[in-house]
Amino acid sequence: QRPGEKPNILTVAWAGTVCSDPAMVSVSIRPERY
């Protein structure tokens, strides 16, 4: 969500765990997606 705007949801199948300490994840998104 941007401040002052409606929240949004994007479904992502390319997401994963990348590190346990610190706890880190990744999501891959096309630049043209809202």
ModelCIF file with pLDDT and N, C-alpha, C, O atoms, coordinates in Angstrom:
data_MODEL
#
_entry.id   MODEL 
#
_entity.id                         1 
_entity.type                       polymer 
_entity.pdbx_number_of_molecules   1 
#
_entity_poly.entity_id                      1 
_entity_poly.type                           'polypeptide(L)' 
_entity_poly.nstd_linkage                   no 
_entity_poly.nstd_monomer                   no 
_entity_poly.pdbx_seq_one_letter_code       QRPGEKPNILTVAWAGTVCSDPAMVSVSIRPERY 
_entity_poly.pdbx_seq_one_letter_code_can   QRPGEKPNILTVAWAGTVCSDPAMVSVSIRPERY 
_entity_poly.pdbx_strand_id                 A 
#
loop_
_entity_poly_seq.entity_id 
_entity_poly_seq.num 
_entity_poly_seq.mon_id 
_entity_poly_seq.hetero 
1 1  GLN n 
1 2  ARG n 
1 3  PRO n 
1 4  GLY n 
1 5  GLU n 
1 6  LYS n 
1 7  PRO n 
1 8  ASN n 
1 9  ILE n 
1 10 LEU n 
1 11 THR n 
1 12 VAL n 
1 13 ALA n 
1 14 TRP n 
1 15 ALA n 
1 16 GLY n 
1 17 THR n 
1 18 VAL n 
1 19 CYS n 
1 20 SER n 
1 21 ASP n 
1 22 PRO n 
1 23 ALA n 
1 24 MET n 
1 25 VAL n 
1 26 SER n 
1 27 VAL n 
1 28 SER n 
1 29 ILE n 
1 30 ARG n 
1 31 PRO n 
1 32 GLU n 
1 33 ARG n 
1 34 TYR n 
#
_struct_asym.id          A 
_struct_asym.entity_id   1 
#
loop_
_ma_qa_metric.id 
_ma_qa_metric.mode 
_ma_qa_metric.name 
_ma_qa_metric.software_group_id 
_ma_qa_metric.type 
1 global pLDDT . pLDDT 
2 local  pLDDT . pLDDT 
#
_ma_qa_metric_global.metric_id      1 
_ma_qa_metric_global.metric_value   96.91 
_ma_qa_metric_global.model_id       1 
_ma_qa_metric_global.ordinal_id     1 
#
loop_
_ma_qa_metric_local.label_asym_id 
_ma_qa_metric_local.label_comp_id 
_ma_qa_metric_local.label_seq_id 
_ma_qa_metric_local.metric_id 
_ma_qa_metric_local.metric_value 
_ma_qa_metric_local.model_id 
_ma_qa_metric_local.ordinal_id 
A GLN 1  2 98.00 1 1  
A ARG 2  2 97.00 1 2  
A PRO 3  2 95.00 1 3  
A GLY 4  2 94.00 1 4  
A GLU 5  2 96.00 1 5  
A LYS 6  2 96.00 1 6  
A PRO 7  2 98.00 1 7  
A ASN 8  2 98.00 1 8  
A ILE 9  2 98.00 1 9  
A LEU 10 2 98.00 1 10 
A THR 11 2 98.00 1 11 
A VAL 12 2 97.00 1 12 
A ALA 13 2 95.00 1 13 
A TRP 14 2 94.00 1 14 
A ALA 15 2 96.00 1 15 
A GLY 16 2 95.00 1 16 
A THR 17 2 96.00 1 17 
A VAL 18 2 97.00 1 18 
A CYS 19 2 97.00 1 19 
A SER 20 2 97.00 1 20 
A ASP 21 2 97.00 1 21 
A PRO 22 2 97.00 1 22 
A ALA 23 2 98.00 1 23 
A MET 24 2 98.00 1 24 
A VAL 25 2 98.00 1 25 
A SER 26 2 98.00 1 26 
A VAL 27 2 98.00 1 27 
A SER 28 2 98.00 1 28 
A ILE 29 2 98.00 1 29 
A ARG 30 2 97.00 1 30 
A PRO 31 2 97.00 1 31 
A GLU 32 2 97.00 1 32 
A ARG 33 2 97.00 1 33 
A TYR 34 2 97.00 1 34 
#
loop_
_atom_site.group_PDB 
_atom_site.id 
_atom_site.type_symbol 
_atom_site.label_atom_id 
_atom_site.label_alt_id 
_atom_site.label_comp_id 
_atom_site.label_asym_id 
_atom_site.label_entity_id 
_atom_site.label_seq_id 
_atom_site.pdbx_PDB_ins_code 
_atom_site.Cartn_x 
_atom_site.Cartn_y 
_atom_site.Cartn_z 
_atom_site.occupancy 
_atom_site.B_iso_or_equiv 
_atom_site.pdbx_formal_charge 
_atom_site.auth_seq_id 
_atom_site.auth_comp_id 
_atom_site.auth_asym_id 
_atom_site.auth_atom_id 
_atom_site.pdbx_PDB_model_num 
ATOM 1   N N  . GLN A 1 1  ? 0.832  -1.207  0.000   1.00 98.00 ? 1  GLN A N  1 
ATOM 2   C CA . GLN A 1 1  ? 0.000  0.000   0.000   1.00 98.00 ? 1  GLN A CA 1 
ATOM 3   C C  . GLN A 1 1  ? 0.859  1.246   0.000   1.00 98.00 ? 1  GLN A C  1 
ATOM 4   O O  . GLN A 1 1  ? 1.836  1.346   0.741   1.00 98.00 ? 1  GLN A O  1 
ATOM 5   N N  . ARG A 1 2  ? 0.479  2.202   -0.848  1.00 97.00 ? 2  ARG A N  1 
ATOM 6   C CA . ARG A 1 2  ? 1.054  3.545   -0.766  1.00 97.00 ? 2  ARG A CA 1 
ATOM 7   C C  . ARG A 1 2  ? 0.284  4.325   0.291   1.00 97.00 ? 2  ARG A C  1 
ATOM 8   O O  . ARG A 1 2  ? -0.916 4.110   0.463   1.00 97.00 ? 2  ARG A O  1 
ATOM 9   N N  . PRO A 1 3  ? 0.960  5.232   1.006   1.00 95.00 ? 3  PRO A N  1 
ATOM 10  C CA . PRO A 1 3  ? 0.250  6.055   2.001   1.00 95.00 ? 3  PRO A CA 1 
ATOM 11  C C  . PRO A 1 3  ? -0.913 6.807   1.349   1.00 95.00 ? 3  PRO A C  1 
ATOM 12  O O  . PRO A 1 3  ? -0.749 7.447   0.311   1.00 95.00 ? 3  PRO A O  1 
ATOM 13  N N  . GLY A 1 4  ? -2.074 6.719   1.967   1.00 94.00 ? 4  GLY A N  1 
ATOM 14  C CA . GLY A 1 4  ? -3.242 7.445   1.493   1.00 94.00 ? 4  GLY A CA 1 
ATOM 15  C C  . GLY A 1 4  ? -3.982 6.796   0.355   1.00 94.00 ? 4  GLY A C  1 
ATOM 16  O O  . GLY A 1 4  ? -5.004 7.320   -0.089  1.00 94.00 ? 4  GLY A O  1 
ATOM 17  N N  . GLU A 1 5  ? -3.492 5.651   -0.143  1.00 96.00 ? 5  GLU A N  1 
ATOM 18  C CA . GLU A 1 5  ? -4.160 4.950   -1.242  1.00 96.00 ? 5  GLU A CA 1 
ATOM 19  C C  . GLU A 1 5  ? -4.729 3.625   -0.755  1.00 96.00 ? 5  GLU A C  1 
ATOM 20  O O  . GLU A 1 5  ? -4.422 3.172   0.348   1.00 96.00 ? 5  GLU A O  1 
ATOM 21  N N  . LYS A 1 6  ? -5.565 3.006   -1.592  1.00 96.00 ? 6  LYS A N  1 
ATOM 22  C CA . LYS A 1 6  ? -6.140 1.718   -1.228  1.00 96.00 ? 6  LYS A CA 1 
ATOM 23  C C  . LYS A 1 6  ? -5.044 0.647   -1.210  1.00 96.00 ? 6  LYS A C  1 
ATOM 24  O O  . LYS A 1 6  ? -4.097 0.723   -1.993  1.00 96.00 ? 6  LYS A O  1 
ATOM 25  N N  . PRO A 1 7  ? -5.163 -0.332  -0.338  1.00 98.00 ? 7  PRO A N  1 
ATOM 26  C CA . PRO A 1 7  ? -4.193 -1.424  -0.344  1.00 98.00 ? 7  PRO A CA 1 
ATOM 27  C C  . PRO A 1 7  ? -4.403 -2.318  -1.556  1.00 98.00 ? 7  PRO A C  1 
ATOM 28  O O  . PRO A 1 7  ? -5.486 -2.336  -2.141  1.00 98.00 ? 7  PRO A O  1 
ATOM 29  N N  . ASN A 1 8  ? -3.386 -3.047  -1.926  1.00 98.00 ? 8  ASN A N  1 
ATOM 30  C CA . ASN A 1 8  ? -3.482 -3.937  -3.086  1.00 98.00 ? 8  ASN A CA 1 
ATOM 31  C C  . ASN A 1 8  ? -2.909 -5.312  -2.743  1.00 98.00 ? 8  ASN A C  1 
ATOM 32  O O  . ASN A 1 8  ? -2.147 -5.476  -1.790  1.00 98.00 ? 8  ASN A O  1 
ATOM 33  N N  . ILE A 1 9  ? -3.303 -6.285  -3.553  1.00 98.00 ? 9  ILE A N  1 
ATOM 34  C CA . ILE A 1 9  ? -2.821 -7.663  -3.395  1.00 98.00 ? 9  ILE A CA 1 
ATOM 35  C C  . ILE A 1 9  ? -2.334 -8.166  -4.735  1.00 98.00 ? 9  ILE A C  1 
ATOM 36  O O  . ILE A 1 9  ? -3.010 -8.000  -5.750  1.00 98.00 ? 9  ILE A O  1 
ATOM 37  N N  . LEU A 1 10 ? -1.172 -8.773  -4.742  1.00 98.00 ? 10 LEU A N  1 
ATOM 38  C CA . LEU A 1 10 ? -0.585 -9.403  -5.926  1.00 98.00 ? 10 LEU A CA 1 
ATOM 39  C C  . LEU A 1 10 ? -0.303 -10.861 -5.582  1.00 98.00 ? 10 LEU A C  1 
ATOM 40  O O  . LEU A 1 10 ? 0.318  -11.141 -4.556  1.00 98.00 ? 10 LEU A O  1 
ATOM 41  N N  . THR A 1 11 ? -0.745 -11.790 -6.418  1.00 98.00 ? 11 THR A N  1 
ATOM 42  C CA . THR A 1 11 ? -0.425 -13.190 -6.190  1.00 98.00 ? 11 THR A CA 1 
ATOM 43  C C  . THR A 1 11 ? 0.886  -13.528 -6.885  1.00 98.00 ? 11 THR A C  1 
ATOM 44  O O  . THR A 1 11 ? 1.070  -13.240 -8.068  1.00 98.00 ? 11 THR A O  1 
ATOM 45  N N  . VAL A 1 12 ? 1.794  -14.143 -6.135  1.00 97.00 ? 12 VAL A N  1 
ATOM 46  C CA . VAL A 1 12 ? 3.138  -14.442 -6.617  1.00 97.00 ? 12 VAL A CA 1 
ATOM 47  C C  . VAL A 1 12 ? 3.424  -15.928 -6.410  1.00 97.00 ? 12 VAL A C  1 
ATOM 48  O O  . VAL A 1 12 ? 3.253  -16.451 -5.309  1.00 97.00 ? 12 VAL A O  1 
ATOM 49  N N  . ALA A 1 13 ? 3.857  -16.601 -7.471  1.00 95.00 ? 13 ALA A N  1 
ATOM 50  C CA . ALA A 1 13 ? 4.267  -18.001 -7.337  1.00 95.00 ? 13 ALA A CA 1 
ATOM 51  C C  . ALA A 1 13 ? 5.783  -18.108 -7.204  1.00 95.00 ? 13 ALA A C  1 
ATOM 52  O O  . ALA A 1 13 ? 6.304  -19.159 -6.830  1.00 95.00 ? 13 ALA A O  1 
ATOM 53  N N  . TRP A 1 14 ? 6.486  -17.027 -7.508  1.00 94.00 ? 14 TRP A N  1 
ATOM 54  C CA . TRP A 1 14 ? 7.947  -17.034 -7.401  1.00 94.00 ? 14 TRP A CA 1 
ATOM 55  C C  . TRP A 1 14 ? 8.345  -16.303 -6.128  1.00 94.00 ? 14 TRP A C  1 
ATOM 56  O O  . TRP A 1 14 ? 8.727  -15.133 -6.153  1.00 94.00 ? 14 TRP A O  1 
ATOM 57  N N  . ALA A 1 15 ? 8.246  -17.019 -5.020  1.00 96.00 ? 15 ALA A N  1 
ATOM 58  C CA . ALA A 1 15 ? 8.620  -16.492 -3.710  1.00 96.00 ? 15 ALA A CA 1 
ATOM 59  C C  . ALA A 1 15 ? 9.387  -17.586 -2.986  1.00 96.00 ? 15 ALA A C  1 
ATOM 60  O O  . ALA A 1 15 ? 9.134  -18.774 -3.189  1.00 96.00 ? 15 ALA A O  1 
ATOM 61  N N  . GLY A 1 16 ? 10.313 -17.184 -2.152  1.00 95.00 ? 16 GLY A N  1 
ATOM 62  C CA . GLY A 1 16 ? 11.069 -18.213 -1.462  1.00 95.00 ? 16 GLY A CA 1 
ATOM 63  C C  . GLY A 1 16 ? 11.856 -17.696 -0.283  1.00 95.00 ? 16 GLY A C  1 
ATOM 64  O O  . GLY A 1 16 ? 12.007 -16.491 -0.084  1.00 95.00 ? 16 GLY A O  1 
ATOM 65  N N  . THR A 1 17 ? 12.356 -18.644 0.499   1.00 96.00 ? 17 THR A N  1 
ATOM 66  C CA . THR A 1 17 ? 13.222 -18.360 1.630   1.00 96.00 ? 17 THR A CA 1 
ATOM 67  C C  . THR A 1 17 ? 14.658 -18.250 1.137   1.00 96.00 ? 17 THR A C  1 
ATOM 68  O O  . THR A 1 17 ? 15.101 -19.091 0.355   1.00 96.00 ? 17 THR A O  1 
ATOM 69  N N  . VAL A 1 18 ? 15.385 -17.246 1.569   1.00 97.00 ? 18 VAL A N  1 
ATOM 70  C CA . VAL A 1 18 ? 16.770 -17.083 1.119   1.00 97.00 ? 18 VAL A CA 1 
ATOM 71  C C  . VAL A 1 18 ? 17.783 -17.080 2.256   1.00 97.00 ? 18 VAL A C  1 
ATOM 72  O O  . VAL A 1 18 ? 18.971 -17.300 2.020   1.00 97.00 ? 18 VAL A O  1 
ATOM 73  N N  . CYS A 1 19 ? 17.333 -16.835 3.492   1.00 97.00 ? 19 CYS A N  1 
ATOM 74  C CA . CYS A 1 19 ? 18.266 -16.795 4.619   1.00 97.00 ? 19 CYS A CA 1 
ATOM 75  C C  . CYS A 1 19 ? 17.478 -16.990 5.908   1.00 97.00 ? 19 CYS A C  1 
ATOM 76  O O  . CYS A 1 19 ? 16.336 -16.547 6.026   1.00 97.00 ? 19 CYS A O  1 
ATOM 77  N N  . SER A 1 20 ? 18.114 -17.670 6.886   1.00 97.00 ? 20 SER A N  1 
ATOM 78  C CA . SER A 1 20 ? 17.420 -17.885 8.157   1.00 97.00 ? 20 SER A CA 1 
ATOM 79  C C  . SER A 1 20 ? 17.830 -16.882 9.238   1.00 97.00 ? 20 SER A C  1 
ATOM 80  O O  . SER A 1 20 ? 17.040 -16.596 10.137  1.00 97.00 ? 20 SER A O  1 
ATOM 81  N N  . ASP A 1 21 ? 19.043 -16.348 9.167   1.00 97.00 ? 21 ASP A N  1 
ATOM 82  C CA . ASP A 1 21 ? 19.486 -15.378 10.165  1.00 97.00 ? 21 ASP A CA 1 
ATOM 83  C C  . ASP A 1 21 ? 20.372 -14.325 9.514   1.00 97.00 ? 21 ASP A C  1 
ATOM 84  O O  . ASP A 1 21 ? 21.552 -14.591 9.284   1.00 97.00 ? 21 ASP A O  1 
ATOM 85  N N  . PRO A 1 22 ? 19.850 -13.136 9.207   1.00 97.00 ? 22 PRO A N  1 
ATOM 86  C CA . PRO A 1 22 ? 18.489 -12.703 9.514   1.00 97.00 ? 22 PRO A CA 1 
ATOM 87  C C  . PRO A 1 22 ? 17.472 -13.408 8.622   1.00 97.00 ? 22 PRO A C  1 
ATOM 88  O O  . PRO A 1 22 ? 17.799 -13.865 7.526   1.00 97.00 ? 22 PRO A O  1 
ATOM 89  N N  . ALA A 1 23 ? 16.244 -13.489 9.106   1.00 98.00 ? 23 ALA A N  1 
ATOM 90  C CA . ALA A 1 23 ? 15.178 -14.118 8.316   1.00 98.00 ? 23 ALA A CA 1 
ATOM 91  C C  . ALA A 1 23 ? 14.922 -13.270 7.074   1.00 98.00 ? 23 ALA A C  1 
ATOM 92  O O  . ALA A 1 23 ? 14.529 -12.107 7.174   1.00 98.00 ? 23 ALA A O  1 
ATOM 93  N N  . MET A 1 24 ? 15.149 -13.867 5.897   1.00 98.00 ? 24 MET A N  1 
ATOM 94  C CA . MET A 1 24 ? 14.962 -13.133 4.643   1.00 98.00 ? 24 MET A CA 1 
ATOM 95  C C  . MET A 1 24 ? 14.222 -13.986 3.628   1.00 98.00 ? 24 MET A C  1 
ATOM 96  O O  . MET A 1 24 ? 14.332 -15.212 3.612   1.00 98.00 ? 24 MET A O  1 
ATOM 97  N N  . VAL A 1 25 ? 13.465 -13.301 2.781   1.00 98.00 ? 25 VAL A N  1 
ATOM 98  C CA . VAL A 1 25 ? 12.689 -13.951 1.723   1.00 98.00 ? 25 VAL A CA 1 
ATOM 99  C C  . VAL A 1 25 ? 12.894 -13.184 0.424   1.00 98.00 ? 25 VAL A C  1 
ATOM 100 O O  . VAL A 1 25 ? 13.497 -12.111 0.404   1.00 98.00 ? 25 VAL A O  1 
ATOM 101 N N  . SER A 1 26 ? 12.382 -13.756 -0.654  1.00 98.00 ? 26 SER A N  1 
ATOM 102 C CA . SER A 1 26 ? 12.415 -13.049 -1.932  1.00 98.00 ? 26 SER A CA 1 
ATOM 103 C C  . SER A 1 26 ? 11.071 -13.209 -2.627  1.00 98.00 ? 26 SER A C  1 
ATOM 104 O O  . SER A 1 26 ? 10.385 -14.217 -2.458  1.00 98.00 ? 26 SER A O  1 
ATOM 105 N N  . VAL A 1 27 ? 10.709 -12.209 -3.405  1.00 98.00 ? 27 VAL A N  1 
ATOM 106 C CA . VAL A 1 27 ? 9.584  -12.304 -4.335  1.00 98.00 ? 27 VAL A CA 1 
ATOM 107 C C  . VAL A 1 27 ? 10.054 -11.717 -5.660  1.00 98.00 ? 27 VAL A C  1 
ATOM 108 O O  . VAL A 1 27 ? 10.728 -10.687 -5.686  1.00 98.00 ? 27 VAL A O  1 
ATOM 109 N N  . SER A 1 28 ? 9.698  -12.371 -6.751  1.00 98.00 ? 28 SER A N  1 
ATOM 110 C CA . SER A 1 28 ? 10.066 -11.870 -8.079  1.00 98.00 ? 28 SER A CA 1 
ATOM 111 C C  . SER A 1 28 ? 8.821  -11.349 -8.774  1.00 98.00 ? 28 SER A C  1 
ATOM 112 O O  . SER A 1 28 ? 7.810  -12.046 -8.871  1.00 98.00 ? 28 SER A O  1 
ATOM 113 N N  . ILE A 1 29 ? 8.906  -10.098 -9.265  1.00 98.00 ? 29 ILE A N  1 
ATOM 114 C CA . ILE A 1 29 ? 7.732  -9.402  -9.815  1.00 98.00 ? 29 ILE A CA 1 
ATOM 115 C C  . ILE A 1 29 ? 8.106  -8.738  -11.132 1.00 98.00 ? 29 ILE A C  1 
ATOM 116 O O  . ILE A 1 29 ? 9.188  -8.163  -11.258 1.00 98.00 ? 29 ILE A O  1 
ATOM 117 N N  . ARG A 1 30 ? 7.222  -8.817  -12.100 1.00 97.00 ? 30 ARG A N  1 
ATOM 118 C CA . ARG A 1 30 ? 7.420  -8.110  -13.372 1.00 97.00 ? 30 ARG A CA 1 
ATOM 119 C C  . ARG A 1 30 ? 7.282  -6.604  -13.146 1.00 97.00 ? 30 ARG A C  1 
ATOM 120 O O  . ARG A 1 30 ? 6.357  -6.178  -12.454 1.00 97.00 ? 30 ARG A O  1 
ATOM 121 N N  . PRO A 1 31 ? 8.169  -5.790  -13.706 1.00 97.00 ? 31 PRO A N  1 
ATOM 122 C CA . PRO A 1 31 ? 8.096  -4.333  -13.495 1.00 97.00 ? 31 PRO A CA 1 
ATOM 123 C C  . PRO A 1 31 ? 6.786  -3.694  -13.954 1.00 97.00 ? 31 PRO A C  1 
ATOM 124 O O  . PRO A 1 31 ? 6.413  -2.631  -13.457 1.00 97.00 ? 31 PRO A O  1 
ATOM 125 N N  . GLU A 1 32 ? 6.083  -4.329  -14.896 1.00 97.00 ? 32 GLU A N  1 
ATOM 126 C CA . GLU A 1 32 ? 4.830  -3.735  -15.376 1.00 97.00 ? 32 GLU A CA 1 
ATOM 127 C C  . GLU A 1 32 ? 3.643  -3.990  -14.448 1.00 97.00 ? 32 GLU A C  1 
ATOM 128 O O  . GLU A 1 32 ? 2.567  -3.427  -14.651 1.00 97.00 ? 32 GLU A O  1 
ATOM 129 N N  . ARG A 1 33 ? 3.828  -4.826  -13.442 1.00 97.00 ? 33 ARG A N  1 
ATOM 130 C CA . ARG A 1 33 ? 2.719  -5.092  -12.522 1.00 97.00 ? 33 ARG A CA 1 
ATOM 131 C C  . ARG A 1 33 ? 2.452  -3.871  -11.648 1.00 97.00 ? 33 ARG A C  1 
ATOM 132 O O  . ARG A 1 33 ? 3.378  -3.154  -11.270 1.00 97.00 ? 33 ARG A O  1 
ATOM 133 N N  . TYR A 1 34 ? 1.190  -3.643  -11.334 1.00 97.00 ? 34 TYR A N  1 
ATOM 134 C CA . TYR A 1 34 ? 0.761  -2.479  -10.551 1.00 97.00 ? 34 TYR A CA 1 
ATOM 135 C C  . TYR A 1 34 ? 1.470  -2.416  -9.198  1.00 97.00 ? 34 TYR A C  1 
ATOM 136 O O  . TYR A 1 34 ? 1.225  -1.498  -8.416  1.00 97.00 ? 34 TYR A O  1 
#
